[in-house]
N, C-alpha and C. Protein backbone atom coordinates (compact mmCIF):
# COMPACT_ATOMS: atom_id res chain seq x y z
N MET A 1 -56.05 3.99 152.28
CA MET A 1 -54.74 4.57 152.46
C MET A 1 -53.88 4.34 151.21
N ARG A 2 -54.13 3.21 150.56
CA ARG A 2 -53.40 2.96 149.31
C ARG A 2 -53.80 3.99 148.25
N GLN A 3 -55.11 4.28 148.15
CA GLN A 3 -55.58 5.26 147.16
C GLN A 3 -54.97 6.64 147.41
N ALA A 4 -54.74 6.97 148.67
CA ALA A 4 -54.16 8.27 149.01
C ALA A 4 -52.65 8.26 148.88
N GLY A 5 -52.07 7.08 148.65
CA GLY A 5 -50.62 6.98 148.49
C GLY A 5 -49.84 7.06 149.79
N ILE A 6 -50.48 6.75 150.91
CA ILE A 6 -49.79 6.85 152.20
C ILE A 6 -49.62 5.52 152.91
N PHE A 7 -50.13 4.45 152.33
CA PHE A 7 -50.09 3.15 152.99
C PHE A 7 -48.67 2.70 153.29
N ASP A 8 -47.79 2.73 152.31
CA ASP A 8 -46.41 2.26 152.52
C ASP A 8 -45.69 3.05 153.60
N ALA A 9 -45.94 4.35 153.65
CA ALA A 9 -45.29 5.19 154.66
C ALA A 9 -45.81 4.88 156.07
N LEU A 10 -47.05 4.45 156.17
CA LEU A 10 -47.66 4.19 157.48
C LEU A 10 -47.63 2.72 157.89
N LYS A 11 -47.38 1.83 156.96
CA LYS A 11 -47.50 0.39 157.18
C LYS A 11 -46.82 -0.09 158.47
N ALA A 12 -45.62 0.35 158.73
CA ALA A 12 -44.88 -0.11 159.92
C ALA A 12 -45.53 0.37 161.21
N LYS A 13 -46.29 1.45 161.15
CA LYS A 13 -46.91 2.00 162.36
C LYS A 13 -48.35 1.52 162.56
N LEU A 14 -48.92 0.86 161.56
CA LEU A 14 -50.32 0.44 161.66
C LEU A 14 -50.48 -0.73 162.61
N LYS A 15 -51.53 -0.67 163.38
CA LYS A 15 -51.89 -1.75 164.27
C LYS A 15 -53.39 -1.96 164.12
N ILE A 16 -53.75 -3.09 163.56
CA ILE A 16 -55.17 -3.39 163.35
C ILE A 16 -55.66 -4.14 164.58
N VAL A 17 -56.65 -3.58 165.24
CA VAL A 17 -57.20 -4.17 166.45
C VAL A 17 -58.67 -4.49 166.18
N PRO A 18 -59.07 -5.76 166.30
CA PRO A 18 -60.43 -6.14 165.94
C PRO A 18 -61.53 -5.58 166.84
N ALA A 19 -61.22 -5.28 168.07
CA ALA A 19 -62.25 -4.79 168.99
C ALA A 19 -62.11 -3.28 169.16
N GLN A 20 -63.19 -2.56 168.87
CA GLN A 20 -63.15 -1.10 168.95
C GLN A 20 -62.82 -0.61 170.35
N ALA A 21 -63.45 -1.18 171.36
CA ALA A 21 -63.20 -0.74 172.75
C ALA A 21 -61.74 -0.93 173.11
N ALA A 22 -61.15 -2.05 172.69
CA ALA A 22 -59.75 -2.32 173.00
C ALA A 22 -58.84 -1.30 172.32
N SER A 23 -59.15 -0.98 171.07
CA SER A 23 -58.30 -0.02 170.36
C SER A 23 -58.45 1.38 170.95
N GLN A 24 -59.66 1.74 171.36
CA GLN A 24 -59.85 3.05 171.97
C GLN A 24 -59.11 3.14 173.30
N GLU A 25 -59.07 2.05 174.02
CA GLU A 25 -58.31 2.03 175.28
C GLU A 25 -56.82 2.21 175.00
N MET A 26 -56.33 1.61 173.93
CA MET A 26 -54.92 1.77 173.55
C MET A 26 -54.60 3.23 173.25
N VAL A 27 -55.51 3.93 172.58
CA VAL A 27 -55.31 5.34 172.28
C VAL A 27 -55.32 6.14 173.58
N ALA A 28 -56.30 5.87 174.44
CA ALA A 28 -56.44 6.61 175.70
C ALA A 28 -55.21 6.43 176.59
N LYS A 29 -54.61 5.26 176.56
CA LYS A 29 -53.41 4.98 177.38
C LYS A 29 -52.12 5.48 176.73
N GLY A 30 -52.21 5.93 175.49
CA GLY A 30 -51.02 6.41 174.80
C GLY A 30 -50.19 5.29 174.17
N GLU A 31 -50.77 4.10 174.07
CA GLU A 31 -50.04 2.98 173.47
C GLU A 31 -49.96 3.12 171.96
N VAL A 32 -50.89 3.84 171.36
CA VAL A 32 -50.86 4.18 169.95
C VAL A 32 -51.17 5.67 169.83
N GLU A 33 -50.70 6.28 168.75
CA GLU A 33 -50.85 7.72 168.61
C GLU A 33 -52.25 8.16 168.21
N ILE A 34 -52.85 7.44 167.27
CA ILE A 34 -54.19 7.82 166.81
C ILE A 34 -55.00 6.57 166.50
N GLY A 35 -56.30 6.75 166.45
CA GLY A 35 -57.21 5.69 166.03
C GLY A 35 -58.16 6.28 165.01
N LEU A 36 -58.63 5.45 164.12
CA LEU A 36 -59.59 5.90 163.12
C LEU A 36 -60.94 5.26 163.44
N TYR A 37 -61.93 6.09 163.68
CA TYR A 37 -63.26 5.63 164.07
C TYR A 37 -64.32 6.48 163.38
N ASN A 38 -65.52 5.98 163.37
CA ASN A 38 -66.65 6.82 162.99
C ASN A 38 -66.76 7.89 164.07
N VAL A 39 -67.00 9.11 163.68
CA VAL A 39 -67.08 10.21 164.65
C VAL A 39 -68.10 9.91 165.74
N SER A 40 -69.22 9.31 165.36
CA SER A 40 -70.28 9.01 166.33
C SER A 40 -69.88 7.94 167.33
N GLU A 41 -68.77 7.26 167.09
CA GLU A 41 -68.36 6.17 167.99
C GLU A 41 -67.18 6.54 168.89
N ILE A 42 -66.86 7.82 168.96
CA ILE A 42 -65.79 8.27 169.85
C ILE A 42 -66.44 8.67 171.16
N PRO A 43 -66.23 7.88 172.22
CA PRO A 43 -66.89 8.19 173.49
C PRO A 43 -66.31 9.44 174.16
N GLU A 44 -67.18 10.26 174.68
CA GLU A 44 -66.76 11.46 175.39
C GLU A 44 -66.20 11.08 176.76
N GLY A 45 -65.20 11.78 177.20
CA GLY A 45 -64.67 11.60 178.56
C GLY A 45 -63.98 10.27 178.81
N LYS A 46 -63.48 9.62 177.79
CA LYS A 46 -62.80 8.34 177.96
C LYS A 46 -61.32 8.46 177.58
N GLY A 47 -60.79 9.67 177.64
CA GLY A 47 -59.40 9.88 177.27
C GLY A 47 -59.18 10.02 175.78
N LEU A 48 -60.26 10.17 175.03
CA LEU A 48 -60.17 10.33 173.59
C LEU A 48 -60.68 11.71 173.20
N LYS A 49 -60.12 12.25 172.14
CA LYS A 49 -60.57 13.55 171.66
C LYS A 49 -60.56 13.52 170.14
N LEU A 50 -61.63 14.02 169.54
CA LEU A 50 -61.71 14.09 168.09
C LEU A 50 -60.69 15.10 167.58
N ALA A 51 -59.77 14.64 166.75
CA ALA A 51 -58.78 15.54 166.16
C ALA A 51 -59.33 16.16 164.89
N GLY A 52 -60.25 15.46 164.24
CA GLY A 52 -60.85 15.97 163.02
C GLY A 52 -61.13 14.82 162.08
N PRO A 53 -61.90 15.08 161.05
CA PRO A 53 -62.21 14.01 160.10
C PRO A 53 -61.00 13.68 159.23
N VAL A 54 -60.96 12.47 158.73
CA VAL A 54 -59.91 12.10 157.79
C VAL A 54 -60.23 12.78 156.45
N PRO A 55 -59.24 12.93 155.60
CA PRO A 55 -59.49 13.57 154.30
C PRO A 55 -60.59 12.85 153.51
N ALA A 56 -61.27 13.58 152.68
CA ALA A 56 -62.40 13.05 151.91
C ALA A 56 -62.04 11.77 151.16
N LEU A 57 -60.83 11.67 150.65
CA LEU A 57 -60.41 10.48 149.91
C LEU A 57 -60.46 9.22 150.77
N LEU A 58 -60.30 9.39 152.08
CA LEU A 58 -60.31 8.24 152.99
C LEU A 58 -61.65 8.02 153.67
N GLN A 59 -62.61 8.91 153.44
CA GLN A 59 -63.92 8.80 154.08
C GLN A 59 -64.71 7.61 153.55
N VAL A 60 -65.43 6.98 154.44
CA VAL A 60 -66.38 5.93 154.07
C VAL A 60 -67.71 6.34 154.68
N ALA A 61 -68.67 6.64 153.82
CA ALA A 61 -69.98 7.08 154.30
C ALA A 61 -70.89 5.87 154.47
N THR A 62 -71.64 5.87 155.54
CA THR A 62 -72.63 4.83 155.79
C THR A 62 -73.99 5.47 155.67
N MET A 63 -74.78 4.98 154.75
CA MET A 63 -76.12 5.50 154.56
C MET A 63 -77.13 4.49 155.11
N TYR A 64 -78.11 4.98 155.82
CA TYR A 64 -79.17 4.12 156.33
C TYR A 64 -80.46 4.47 155.62
N GLU A 65 -81.20 3.46 155.28
CA GLU A 65 -82.48 3.67 154.61
C GLU A 65 -83.56 2.96 155.38
N ALA A 66 -84.79 3.37 155.18
CA ALA A 66 -85.93 2.75 155.85
C ALA A 66 -86.98 2.40 154.81
N ALA A 67 -87.68 1.31 155.05
CA ALA A 67 -88.74 0.89 154.13
C ALA A 67 -89.80 0.13 154.91
N LEU A 68 -90.98 0.13 154.37
CA LEU A 68 -92.07 -0.65 154.95
C LEU A 68 -92.05 -2.05 154.33
N MET A 69 -92.24 -3.05 155.14
CA MET A 69 -92.34 -4.41 154.64
C MET A 69 -93.74 -4.60 154.06
N SER A 70 -93.83 -5.24 152.91
CA SER A 70 -95.13 -5.41 152.27
C SER A 70 -96.06 -6.30 153.10
N ASP A 71 -95.48 -7.17 153.93
CA ASP A 71 -96.31 -8.05 154.75
C ASP A 71 -96.17 -7.73 156.24
N GLY A 72 -95.76 -6.50 156.56
CA GLY A 72 -95.60 -6.10 157.96
C GLY A 72 -96.92 -6.15 158.71
N SER A 73 -96.85 -6.49 159.98
CA SER A 73 -98.08 -6.63 160.77
C SER A 73 -98.64 -5.30 161.26
N VAL A 74 -97.79 -4.28 161.39
CA VAL A 74 -98.26 -2.97 161.85
C VAL A 74 -97.65 -1.86 160.98
N PRO A 75 -98.10 -1.77 159.73
CA PRO A 75 -97.51 -0.79 158.82
C PRO A 75 -97.69 0.66 159.29
N GLU A 76 -98.77 0.94 160.01
CA GLU A 76 -99.00 2.30 160.48
C GLU A 76 -97.90 2.71 161.47
N ALA A 77 -97.54 1.80 162.37
CA ALA A 77 -96.49 2.09 163.35
C ALA A 77 -95.14 2.24 162.65
N ALA A 78 -94.86 1.38 161.68
CA ALA A 78 -93.61 1.47 160.93
C ALA A 78 -93.53 2.79 160.18
N ARG A 79 -94.61 3.18 159.54
CA ARG A 79 -94.65 4.44 158.79
C ARG A 79 -94.44 5.63 159.75
N ALA A 80 -95.08 5.58 160.90
CA ALA A 80 -94.93 6.66 161.89
C ALA A 80 -93.49 6.74 162.39
N PHE A 81 -92.86 5.60 162.59
CA PHE A 81 -91.47 5.57 163.05
C PHE A 81 -90.54 6.19 162.00
N ILE A 82 -90.73 5.82 160.75
CA ILE A 82 -89.91 6.37 159.67
C ILE A 82 -90.13 7.88 159.57
N GLN A 83 -91.36 8.32 159.68
CA GLN A 83 -91.65 9.76 159.61
C GLN A 83 -91.00 10.49 160.79
N PHE A 84 -91.02 9.87 161.97
CA PHE A 84 -90.38 10.45 163.15
C PHE A 84 -88.88 10.62 162.92
N LEU A 85 -88.24 9.57 162.40
CA LEU A 85 -86.79 9.62 162.18
C LEU A 85 -86.38 10.63 161.11
N SER A 86 -87.26 10.86 160.15
CA SER A 86 -86.91 11.74 159.04
C SER A 86 -87.52 13.15 159.14
N ALA A 87 -88.22 13.43 160.21
CA ALA A 87 -88.86 14.73 160.38
C ALA A 87 -87.81 15.83 160.58
N PRO A 88 -88.10 17.04 160.11
CA PRO A 88 -87.15 18.14 160.31
C PRO A 88 -86.75 18.34 161.77
N GLY A 89 -87.67 18.09 162.69
CA GLY A 89 -87.36 18.24 164.11
C GLY A 89 -86.36 17.23 164.64
N ALA A 90 -86.17 16.14 163.93
CA ALA A 90 -85.22 15.11 164.36
C ALA A 90 -83.79 15.47 163.99
N ARG A 91 -83.63 16.43 163.09
CA ARG A 91 -82.29 16.80 162.61
C ARG A 91 -81.33 17.15 163.75
N ALA A 92 -81.78 17.91 164.72
CA ALA A 92 -80.92 18.30 165.85
C ALA A 92 -80.48 17.08 166.65
N LYS A 93 -81.36 16.09 166.77
CA LYS A 93 -81.00 14.88 167.51
C LYS A 93 -79.94 14.07 166.75
N TRP A 94 -80.09 13.98 165.43
CA TRP A 94 -79.07 13.29 164.63
C TRP A 94 -77.72 13.98 164.79
N THR A 95 -77.73 15.31 164.71
CA THR A 95 -76.49 16.07 164.83
C THR A 95 -75.88 15.92 166.22
N ALA A 96 -76.71 15.93 167.26
CA ALA A 96 -76.22 15.75 168.63
C ALA A 96 -75.58 14.38 168.82
N ALA A 97 -76.04 13.41 168.06
CA ALA A 97 -75.47 12.06 168.14
C ALA A 97 -74.24 11.91 167.24
N LYS A 98 -73.77 13.03 166.71
CA LYS A 98 -72.60 13.09 165.83
C LYS A 98 -72.82 12.34 164.52
N LEU A 99 -74.04 12.36 164.05
CA LEU A 99 -74.39 11.77 162.77
C LEU A 99 -74.79 12.89 161.83
N GLU A 100 -74.55 12.71 160.56
CA GLU A 100 -74.91 13.73 159.59
C GLU A 100 -76.21 13.35 158.92
N PRO A 101 -77.28 14.08 159.21
CA PRO A 101 -78.55 13.78 158.56
C PRO A 101 -78.45 13.99 157.05
N ALA A 102 -79.16 13.18 156.32
CA ALA A 102 -79.19 13.33 154.87
C ALA A 102 -79.83 14.66 154.52
N GLY A 103 -79.34 15.30 153.49
CA GLY A 103 -79.92 16.56 153.03
C GLY A 103 -81.27 16.32 152.38
N ARG A 104 -82.09 17.30 152.36
CA ARG A 104 -83.41 17.19 151.73
C ARG A 104 -83.47 18.10 150.55
């Protein structure tokens, strides 16, 4: 928010809540106007509604990677799991979970 130049304007209204469920309940009850969450972590039907993504300047992307352990006990299973997660057919499942699959 500092990088976007809006921190000082919002500072008096900010409420940092350490527990996500507690903060989402505050939004659902109308105790706070908005909450900032990962899109995939906004529960459906709990009094919350996605208003839209924050501007790109405020976005924080989380990338997940997979690797085989050199001393893993079942490398075939690990390799199959990674292939399953990264297969083109899995893309719809990632999207349904409100996650953005990495581009290929």
